[in-house]
Amino acid sequence: MSKSQIDQMLLDMLVCPLTKTTLEYDKEAQELISRAAKLAYPIRDGVPVMLPDEARSLED
């Protein structure tokens, strides 16, 4: 697995820290999308950064 990919098992376990809902993986942008929170959490060097302060708002 390259650093630009995220393990499917890890993705299945992760939820949005704010809403506890499932996340969508955006491979192109290397982000995990929380539709409920309207946030995109970055994936840096293959590691999801699940901090709301680090997330990008989808409402831009």
N, C-alpha and C. Protein backbone atom coordinates (compact mmCIF):
# COMPACT_ATOMS: atom_id res chain seq x y z
N MET A 1 0.85 -1.19 0.00
CA MET A 1 0.00 0.00 0.00
C MET A 1 0.89 1.23 0.00
N SER A 2 0.63 2.16 -0.91
CA SER A 2 1.41 3.38 -0.96
C SER A 2 0.89 4.36 0.08
N LYS A 3 1.71 5.38 0.35
CA LYS A 3 1.30 6.38 1.33
C LYS A 3 0.09 7.17 0.88
N SER A 4 -0.18 7.19 -0.42
CA SER A 4 -1.32 7.95 -0.93
C SER A 4 -2.63 7.17 -0.84
N GLN A 5 -2.57 5.93 -0.39
CA GLN A 5 -3.78 5.12 -0.25
C GLN A 5 -4.08 4.93 1.22
N ILE A 6 -5.35 4.75 1.51
CA ILE A 6 -5.76 4.48 2.88
C ILE A 6 -6.36 3.08 2.93
N ASP A 7 -6.04 2.36 3.96
CA ASP A 7 -6.50 0.99 4.13
C ASP A 7 -8.02 0.97 4.31
N GLN A 8 -8.70 0.10 3.58
CA GLN A 8 -10.17 0.02 3.64
C GLN A 8 -10.64 -0.37 5.04
N MET A 9 -9.90 -1.20 5.73
CA MET A 9 -10.29 -1.60 7.09
C MET A 9 -10.26 -0.38 8.03
N LEU A 10 -9.24 0.45 7.87
CA LEU A 10 -9.15 1.66 8.68
C LEU A 10 -10.31 2.59 8.36
N LEU A 11 -10.59 2.75 7.09
CA LEU A 11 -11.70 3.60 6.68
C LEU A 11 -13.03 3.12 7.26
N ASP A 12 -13.23 1.82 7.30
CA ASP A 12 -14.46 1.26 7.85
C ASP A 12 -14.61 1.54 9.34
N MET A 13 -13.50 1.72 10.04
CA MET A 13 -13.54 1.96 11.50
C MET A 13 -13.68 3.44 11.84
N LEU A 14 -13.23 4.31 10.96
CA LEU A 14 -13.24 5.74 11.26
C LEU A 14 -14.62 6.35 11.10
N VAL A 15 -14.95 7.26 12.01
CA VAL A 15 -16.17 8.06 11.92
C VAL A 15 -15.81 9.51 12.19
N CYS A 16 -16.68 10.40 11.83
CA CYS A 16 -16.46 11.81 12.10
C CYS A 16 -16.43 12.02 13.61
N PRO A 17 -15.41 12.72 14.12
CA PRO A 17 -15.33 12.93 15.57
C PRO A 17 -16.44 13.83 16.11
N LEU A 18 -17.06 14.61 15.26
CA LEU A 18 -18.13 15.51 15.71
C LEU A 18 -19.50 14.86 15.65
N THR A 19 -19.79 14.16 14.56
CA THR A 19 -21.14 13.61 14.36
C THR A 19 -21.23 12.10 14.56
N LYS A 20 -20.09 11.45 14.60
CA LYS A 20 -20.01 9.97 14.73
C LYS A 20 -20.63 9.25 13.54
N THR A 21 -20.71 9.93 12.39
CA THR A 21 -21.24 9.33 11.18
C THR A 21 -20.11 8.82 10.30
N THR A 22 -20.45 7.99 9.33
CA THR A 22 -19.45 7.42 8.45
C THR A 22 -18.84 8.49 7.55
N LEU A 23 -17.67 8.17 7.01
CA LEU A 23 -16.91 9.09 6.17
C LEU A 23 -16.78 8.53 4.76
N GLU A 24 -16.68 9.41 3.80
CA GLU A 24 -16.43 9.02 2.41
C GLU A 24 -14.98 9.34 2.09
N TYR A 25 -14.32 8.44 1.40
CA TYR A 25 -12.93 8.62 1.02
C TYR A 25 -12.85 9.28 -0.35
N ASP A 26 -12.22 10.45 -0.39
CA ASP A 26 -11.96 11.14 -1.66
C ASP A 26 -10.50 10.89 -2.02
N LYS A 27 -10.27 9.90 -2.86
CA LYS A 27 -8.91 9.49 -3.21
C LYS A 27 -8.16 10.61 -3.91
N GLU A 28 -8.84 11.29 -4.81
CA GLU A 28 -8.23 12.37 -5.59
C GLU A 28 -7.70 13.49 -4.69
N ALA A 29 -8.52 13.94 -3.74
CA ALA A 29 -8.16 15.05 -2.85
C ALA A 29 -7.42 14.58 -1.60
N GLN A 30 -7.38 13.26 -1.38
CA GLN A 30 -6.79 12.69 -0.16
C GLN A 30 -7.44 13.30 1.08
N GLU A 31 -8.76 13.13 1.14
CA GLU A 31 -9.55 13.63 2.26
C GLU A 31 -10.61 12.61 2.64
N LEU A 32 -11.04 12.69 3.88
CA LEU A 32 -12.19 11.93 4.36
C LEU A 32 -13.32 12.94 4.55
N ILE A 33 -14.43 12.69 3.89
CA ILE A 33 -15.53 13.65 3.86
C ILE A 33 -16.62 13.24 4.85
N SER A 34 -17.00 14.20 5.70
CA SER A 34 -18.15 14.03 6.59
C SER A 34 -19.26 14.90 6.05
N ARG A 35 -20.24 14.27 5.40
CA ARG A 35 -21.38 15.02 4.85
C ARG A 35 -22.21 15.63 5.98
N ALA A 36 -22.34 14.93 7.08
CA ALA A 36 -23.15 15.42 8.21
C ALA A 36 -22.55 16.68 8.82
N ALA A 37 -21.23 16.72 8.98
CA ALA A 37 -20.56 17.88 9.58
C ALA A 37 -20.15 18.91 8.53
N LYS A 38 -20.27 18.53 7.24
CA LYS A 38 -19.83 19.39 6.14
C LYS A 38 -18.36 19.77 6.27
N LEU A 39 -17.54 18.72 6.58
CA LEU A 39 -16.10 18.90 6.74
C LEU A 39 -15.35 17.86 5.93
N ALA A 40 -14.13 18.22 5.53
CA ALA A 40 -13.23 17.31 4.84
C ALA A 40 -11.95 17.21 5.68
N TYR A 41 -11.70 16.02 6.21
CA TYR A 41 -10.50 15.79 7.02
C TYR A 41 -9.35 15.37 6.11
N PRO A 42 -8.19 16.02 6.25
CA PRO A 42 -7.07 15.69 5.36
C PRO A 42 -6.42 14.35 5.70
N ILE A 43 -5.80 13.76 4.70
CA ILE A 43 -4.97 12.57 4.90
C ILE A 43 -3.55 12.99 4.54
N ARG A 44 -2.66 12.96 5.52
CA ARG A 44 -1.28 13.40 5.30
C ARG A 44 -0.33 12.21 5.47
N ASP A 45 0.44 11.94 4.44
CA ASP A 45 1.38 10.81 4.45
C ASP A 45 0.69 9.51 4.82
N GLY A 46 -0.55 9.34 4.35
CA GLY A 46 -1.30 8.12 4.59
C GLY A 46 -2.00 8.05 5.94
N VAL A 47 -1.92 9.15 6.72
CA VAL A 47 -2.52 9.17 8.06
C VAL A 47 -3.68 10.17 8.09
N PRO A 48 -4.89 9.71 8.40
CA PRO A 48 -6.03 10.63 8.51
C PRO A 48 -5.84 11.56 9.70
N VAL A 49 -6.04 12.85 9.48
CA VAL A 49 -5.96 13.85 10.55
C VAL A 49 -7.39 14.17 10.94
N MET A 50 -7.83 13.56 12.03
CA MET A 50 -9.24 13.62 12.43
C MET A 50 -9.50 14.72 13.46
N LEU A 51 -8.88 15.87 13.27
CA LEU A 51 -9.08 17.01 14.16
C LEU A 51 -9.97 18.04 13.47
N PRO A 52 -11.08 18.41 14.08
CA PRO A 52 -11.97 19.39 13.46
C PRO A 52 -11.26 20.69 13.09
N ASP A 53 -10.29 21.11 13.88
CA ASP A 53 -9.55 22.34 13.59
C ASP A 53 -8.71 22.22 12.32
N GLU A 54 -8.36 21.01 11.92
CA GLU A 54 -7.55 20.77 10.73
C GLU A 54 -8.42 20.51 9.48
N ALA A 55 -9.71 20.34 9.70
CA ALA A 55 -10.62 20.00 8.60
C ALA A 55 -10.95 21.22 7.76
N ARG A 56 -11.25 20.95 6.50
CA ARG A 56 -11.67 21.99 5.55
C ARG A 56 -13.20 22.00 5.50
N SER A 57 -13.77 23.19 5.56
CA SER A 57 -15.23 23.32 5.47
C SER A 57 -15.68 23.04 4.05
N LEU A 58 -16.77 22.31 3.89
CA LEU A 58 -17.35 22.04 2.58
C LEU A 58 -18.35 23.11 2.18
N GLU A 59 -18.54 24.09 3.02
CA GLU A 59 -19.53 25.14 2.76
C GLU A 59 -18.92 26.35 2.08
N ASP A 60 -17.70 26.26 1.59
CA ASP A 60 -17.04 27.40 0.92
C ASP A 60 -17.65 27.68 -0.41
